[in-house]
Amino acid sequence: MRHKVMDKPQPLNDEEIETVLQRLPGWTQDGTKITKEFEFKDFVESLGFINRLVPFFELKDHHPDVHIFYNRIKFELSRYDIGGKVTDRDVEVAKKIEHEYAALK
């Protein structure tokens, strides 16, 4: 099975990142990444949330840094393959994470 070749992620400048973050409540810029922490009922729900997102991450060729703290998950998004910059693909992934988290509520 062949995967569709995707467009190369496009880096965003600080002004573009600031504009995007205004539409992503709770997300912040931390150096060369955007980040947010989410809270869950327990460890099992935390892992289930990540597992639900894995197919999307694979589809988008995006593998975020994920920190698991029992009932909390912190996502850190940037692209190492283009020098550790925030890209349009990071924003797309952040929106998907938000959408899936909202569906839990």
N, C-alpha and C. Protein backbone atom coordinates (compact mmCIF):
# COMPACT_ATOMS: atom_id res chain seq x y z
N MET A 1 0.84 -1.18 0.00
CA MET A 1 0.00 0.00 0.00
C MET A 1 0.89 1.24 0.00
N ARG A 2 0.65 2.12 -0.92
CA ARG A 2 1.45 3.35 -1.02
C ARG A 2 0.74 4.48 -0.29
N HIS A 3 1.54 5.28 0.39
CA HIS A 3 1.00 6.45 1.07
C HIS A 3 1.09 7.65 0.15
N LYS A 4 0.12 8.52 0.23
CA LYS A 4 0.12 9.74 -0.55
C LYS A 4 1.27 10.62 -0.08
N VAL A 5 2.00 11.18 -1.04
CA VAL A 5 3.08 12.10 -0.69
C VAL A 5 2.45 13.41 -0.24
N MET A 6 2.82 13.85 0.94
CA MET A 6 2.23 15.07 1.49
C MET A 6 3.13 16.26 1.19
N ASP A 7 2.50 17.41 1.17
CA ASP A 7 3.27 18.64 1.05
C ASP A 7 4.17 18.79 2.26
N LYS A 8 5.32 19.39 2.03
CA LYS A 8 6.25 19.64 3.14
C LYS A 8 5.62 20.66 4.09
N PRO A 9 5.72 20.41 5.40
CA PRO A 9 5.18 21.38 6.37
C PRO A 9 5.84 22.75 6.19
N GLN A 10 5.03 23.79 6.32
CA GLN A 10 5.52 25.15 6.15
C GLN A 10 5.72 25.81 7.52
N PRO A 11 6.94 26.29 7.80
CA PRO A 11 7.19 26.95 9.09
C PRO A 11 6.39 28.24 9.22
N LEU A 12 6.00 28.53 10.45
CA LEU A 12 5.28 29.77 10.76
C LEU A 12 6.21 30.73 11.48
N ASN A 13 6.05 32.02 11.22
CA ASN A 13 6.84 33.00 11.96
C ASN A 13 6.11 33.31 13.27
N ASP A 14 6.76 34.07 14.16
CA ASP A 14 6.17 34.35 15.48
C ASP A 14 4.82 35.03 15.39
N GLU A 15 4.66 35.93 14.45
CA GLU A 15 3.38 36.63 14.29
C GLU A 15 2.27 35.66 13.88
N GLU A 16 2.58 34.76 12.96
CA GLU A 16 1.61 33.76 12.53
C GLU A 16 1.25 32.81 13.68
N ILE A 17 2.24 32.42 14.46
CA ILE A 17 1.98 31.55 15.61
C ILE A 17 1.08 32.25 16.61
N GLU A 18 1.36 33.51 16.89
CA GLU A 18 0.54 34.28 17.83
C GLU A 18 -0.91 34.36 17.36
N THR A 19 -1.12 34.58 16.07
CA THR A 19 -2.46 34.64 15.51
C THR A 19 -3.17 33.30 15.65
N VAL A 20 -2.48 32.22 15.35
CA VAL A 20 -3.06 30.88 15.45
C VAL A 20 -3.43 30.56 16.89
N LEU A 21 -2.56 30.92 17.83
CA LEU A 21 -2.81 30.59 19.24
C LEU A 21 -4.03 31.31 19.79
N GLN A 22 -4.40 32.43 19.20
CA GLN A 22 -5.62 33.12 19.62
C GLN A 22 -6.85 32.28 19.33
N ARG A 23 -6.75 31.36 18.37
CA ARG A 23 -7.87 30.48 18.01
C ARG A 23 -7.73 29.09 18.64
N LEU A 24 -6.69 28.90 19.43
CA LEU A 24 -6.47 27.62 20.12
C LEU A 24 -6.31 27.89 21.62
N PRO A 25 -7.42 28.10 22.33
CA PRO A 25 -7.35 28.44 23.75
C PRO A 25 -6.55 27.42 24.56
N GLY A 26 -5.68 27.94 25.41
CA GLY A 26 -4.88 27.09 26.28
C GLY A 26 -3.56 26.67 25.69
N TRP A 27 -3.40 26.77 24.38
CA TRP A 27 -2.13 26.45 23.74
C TRP A 27 -1.20 27.64 23.90
N THR A 28 0.07 27.36 24.17
CA THR A 28 1.05 28.43 24.32
C THR A 28 2.29 28.09 23.50
N GLN A 29 3.03 29.14 23.19
CA GLN A 29 4.31 28.94 22.53
C GLN A 29 5.37 28.82 23.61
N ASP A 30 6.15 27.77 23.53
CA ASP A 30 7.22 27.51 24.49
C ASP A 30 8.49 27.31 23.68
N GLY A 31 9.20 28.39 23.45
CA GLY A 31 10.40 28.31 22.62
C GLY A 31 10.04 27.99 21.18
N THR A 32 10.48 26.84 20.71
CA THR A 32 10.26 26.46 19.32
C THR A 32 9.14 25.44 19.15
N LYS A 33 8.17 25.46 20.07
CA LYS A 33 7.04 24.52 19.98
C LYS A 33 5.79 25.16 20.54
N ILE A 34 4.66 24.56 20.20
CA ILE A 34 3.41 24.95 20.86
C ILE A 34 3.02 23.79 21.76
N THR A 35 2.40 24.11 22.88
CA THR A 35 2.17 23.10 23.90
C THR A 35 0.85 23.33 24.64
N LYS A 36 0.29 22.23 25.11
CA LYS A 36 -0.90 22.31 25.96
C LYS A 36 -1.02 21.02 26.77
N GLU A 37 -1.56 21.16 27.97
CA GLU A 37 -1.80 20.02 28.84
C GLU A 37 -3.30 19.77 28.95
N PHE A 38 -3.68 18.50 28.91
CA PHE A 38 -5.08 18.09 29.00
C PHE A 38 -5.26 17.18 30.20
N GLU A 39 -6.44 17.26 30.83
CA GLU A 39 -6.71 16.45 32.01
C GLU A 39 -7.78 15.41 31.70
N PHE A 40 -7.61 14.22 32.30
CA PHE A 40 -8.50 13.09 32.07
C PHE A 40 -8.95 12.51 33.41
N LYS A 41 -9.90 11.58 33.33
CA LYS A 41 -10.43 10.94 34.54
C LYS A 41 -9.34 10.14 35.25
N ASP A 42 -8.56 9.38 34.46
CA ASP A 42 -7.55 8.51 35.05
C ASP A 42 -6.52 8.13 33.98
N PHE A 43 -5.60 7.27 34.35
CA PHE A 43 -4.52 6.84 33.47
C PHE A 43 -5.06 6.12 32.23
N VAL A 44 -6.05 5.26 32.41
CA VAL A 44 -6.61 4.50 31.30
C VAL A 44 -7.24 5.44 30.27
N GLU A 45 -7.97 6.44 30.73
CA GLU A 45 -8.58 7.40 29.80
C GLU A 45 -7.50 8.20 29.08
N SER A 46 -6.43 8.54 29.79
CA SER A 46 -5.32 9.27 29.17
C SER A 46 -4.72 8.47 28.01
N LEU A 47 -4.41 7.20 28.27
CA LEU A 47 -3.83 6.36 27.23
C LEU A 47 -4.81 6.11 26.08
N GLY A 48 -6.06 5.96 26.41
CA GLY A 48 -7.07 5.77 25.37
C GLY A 48 -7.14 6.96 24.44
N PHE A 49 -7.00 8.15 25.00
CA PHE A 49 -7.02 9.37 24.19
C PHE A 49 -5.85 9.38 23.21
N ILE A 50 -4.68 9.08 23.70
CA ILE A 50 -3.50 9.05 22.82
C ILE A 50 -3.69 7.99 21.73
N ASN A 51 -4.12 6.81 22.12
CA ASN A 51 -4.31 5.73 21.15
C ASN A 51 -5.33 6.09 20.07
N ARG A 52 -6.34 6.85 20.44
CA ARG A 52 -7.35 7.29 19.47
C ARG A 52 -6.74 8.25 18.44
N LEU A 53 -5.71 8.99 18.85
CA LEU A 53 -5.08 9.97 17.96
C LEU A 53 -3.96 9.39 17.08
N VAL A 54 -3.41 8.24 17.46
CA VAL A 54 -2.27 7.68 16.74
C VAL A 54 -2.52 7.53 15.23
N PRO A 55 -3.66 7.01 14.78
CA PRO A 55 -3.86 6.90 13.33
C PRO A 55 -3.79 8.26 12.62
N PHE A 56 -4.32 9.29 13.24
CA PHE A 56 -4.25 10.64 12.65
C PHE A 56 -2.81 11.12 12.60
N PHE A 57 -2.07 10.92 13.69
CA PHE A 57 -0.66 11.32 13.71
C PHE A 57 0.10 10.62 12.58
N GLU A 58 -0.14 9.35 12.40
CA GLU A 58 0.53 8.60 11.34
C GLU A 58 0.13 9.12 9.96
N LEU A 59 -1.16 9.35 9.77
CA LEU A 59 -1.66 9.86 8.50
C LEU A 59 -0.99 11.19 8.14
N LYS A 60 -0.79 12.03 9.13
CA LYS A 60 -0.20 13.36 8.91
C LYS A 60 1.32 13.35 9.01
N ASP A 61 1.91 12.17 9.21
CA ASP A 61 3.36 12.06 9.39
C ASP A 61 3.83 13.05 10.44
N HIS A 62 3.16 13.01 11.59
CA HIS A 62 3.47 13.92 12.68
C HIS A 62 3.49 13.13 13.98
N HIS A 63 4.59 13.21 14.68
CA HIS A 63 4.75 12.43 15.91
C HIS A 63 5.11 13.38 17.04
N PRO A 64 4.09 13.92 17.71
CA PRO A 64 4.33 14.91 18.76
C PRO A 64 5.04 14.31 19.97
N ASP A 65 5.71 15.18 20.70
CA ASP A 65 6.21 14.76 22.01
C ASP A 65 5.00 14.71 22.93
N VAL A 66 4.85 13.59 23.63
CA VAL A 66 3.70 13.38 24.51
C VAL A 66 4.23 13.00 25.88
N HIS A 67 3.83 13.76 26.88
CA HIS A 67 4.23 13.49 28.26
C HIS A 67 2.99 13.05 29.03
N ILE A 68 3.07 11.89 29.65
CA ILE A 68 1.93 11.33 30.38
C ILE A 68 2.21 11.44 31.88
N PHE A 69 1.27 12.07 32.59
CA PHE A 69 1.36 12.22 34.04
C PHE A 69 0.07 11.67 34.67
N TYR A 70 -0.05 10.38 34.72
CA TYR A 70 -1.21 9.67 35.24
C TYR A 70 -2.51 10.12 34.55
N ASN A 71 -3.14 11.21 35.01
CA ASN A 71 -4.41 11.65 34.40
C ASN A 71 -4.25 12.94 33.60
N ARG A 72 -3.03 13.27 33.25
CA ARG A 72 -2.77 14.46 32.43
C ARG A 72 -1.83 14.09 31.29
N ILE A 73 -2.05 14.76 30.17
CA ILE A 73 -1.16 14.59 29.02
C ILE A 73 -0.74 15.97 28.56
N LYS A 74 0.54 16.12 28.32
CA LYS A 74 1.06 17.36 27.76
C LYS A 74 1.58 17.06 26.35
N PHE A 75 1.06 17.79 25.38
CA PHE A 75 1.52 17.68 24.00
C PHE A 75 2.46 18.83 23.69
N GLU A 76 3.54 18.53 23.00
CA GLU A 76 4.48 19.53 22.50
C GLU A 76 4.62 19.30 21.00
N LEU A 77 4.28 20.33 20.22
CA LEU A 77 4.25 20.19 18.78
C LEU A 77 5.28 21.09 18.11
N SER A 78 6.11 20.49 17.28
CA SER A 78 7.03 21.20 16.38
C SER A 78 7.56 20.16 15.41
N ARG A 79 8.30 20.61 14.40
CA ARG A 79 8.83 19.70 13.38
C ARG A 79 10.34 19.67 13.46
N TYR A 80 10.86 18.54 13.92
CA TYR A 80 12.31 18.38 14.01
C TYR A 80 12.96 18.31 12.64
N ASP A 81 12.22 17.77 11.66
CA ASP A 81 12.80 17.58 10.33
C ASP A 81 13.03 18.87 9.56
N ILE A 82 12.50 19.98 10.07
CA ILE A 82 12.80 21.27 9.44
C ILE A 82 13.41 22.23 10.47
N GLY A 83 14.16 21.68 11.36
CA GLY A 83 14.90 22.51 12.31
C GLY A 83 14.17 22.87 13.58
N GLY A 84 13.18 22.08 13.98
CA GLY A 84 12.47 22.34 15.24
C GLY A 84 11.65 23.60 15.22
N LYS A 85 10.87 23.78 14.17
CA LYS A 85 10.02 24.97 14.03
C LYS A 85 8.55 24.57 14.11
N VAL A 86 7.71 25.53 14.50
CA VAL A 86 6.26 25.33 14.47
C VAL A 86 5.81 25.52 13.03
N THR A 87 4.98 24.58 12.56
CA THR A 87 4.53 24.61 11.17
C THR A 87 3.01 24.59 11.08
N ASP A 88 2.54 24.74 9.85
CA ASP A 88 1.11 24.63 9.60
C ASP A 88 0.59 23.24 9.99
N ARG A 89 1.41 22.23 9.88
CA ARG A 89 0.99 20.87 10.25
C ARG A 89 0.82 20.75 11.76
N ASP A 90 1.66 21.43 12.53
CA ASP A 90 1.50 21.43 13.99
C ASP A 90 0.14 22.02 14.37
N VAL A 91 -0.24 23.07 13.67
CA VAL A 91 -1.53 23.72 13.94
C VAL A 91 -2.67 22.76 13.60
N GLU A 92 -2.55 22.06 12.49
CA GLU A 92 -3.56 21.09 12.10
C GLU A 92 -3.69 19.98 13.15
N VAL A 93 -2.56 19.51 13.67
CA VAL A 93 -2.57 18.48 14.70
C VAL A 93 -3.18 19.02 16.00
N ALA A 94 -2.84 20.25 16.38
CA ALA A 94 -3.41 20.85 17.59
C ALA A 94 -4.93 20.95 17.47
N LYS A 95 -5.42 21.33 16.31
CA LYS A 95 -6.87 21.42 16.10
C LYS A 95 -7.53 20.05 16.24
N LYS A 96 -6.88 19.02 15.72
CA LYS A 96 -7.43 17.67 15.83
C LYS A 96 -7.45 17.21 17.29
N ILE A 97 -6.39 17.49 18.03
CA ILE A 97 -6.34 17.15 19.45
C ILE A 97 -7.50 17.84 20.17
N GLU A 98 -7.70 19.12 19.89
CA GLU A 98 -8.79 19.87 20.52
C GLU A 98 -10.15 19.26 20.18
N HIS A 99 -10.34 18.91 18.93
CA HIS A 99 -11.60 18.33 18.48
C HIS A 99 -11.88 17.01 19.21
N GLU A 100 -10.88 16.16 19.29
CA GLU A 100 -11.06 14.87 19.95
C GLU A 100 -11.28 15.03 21.45
N TYR A 101 -10.60 15.99 22.07
CA TYR A 101 -10.79 16.23 23.51
C TYR A 101 -12.21 16.75 23.78
N ALA A 102 -12.68 17.65 22.92
CA ALA A 102 -14.03 18.19 23.09
C ALA A 102 -15.08 17.09 22.96
N ALA A 103 -14.80 16.09 22.14
CA ALA A 103 -15.74 14.98 21.94
C ALA A 103 -15.88 14.12 23.20
N LEU A 104 -14.90 14.17 24.09
CA LEU A 104 -14.96 13.40 25.34
C LEU A 104 -15.91 14.03 26.35
N LYS A 105 -16.13 15.30 26.22
CA LYS A 105 -16.92 16.02 27.23
C LYS A 105 -18.40 15.93 27.00
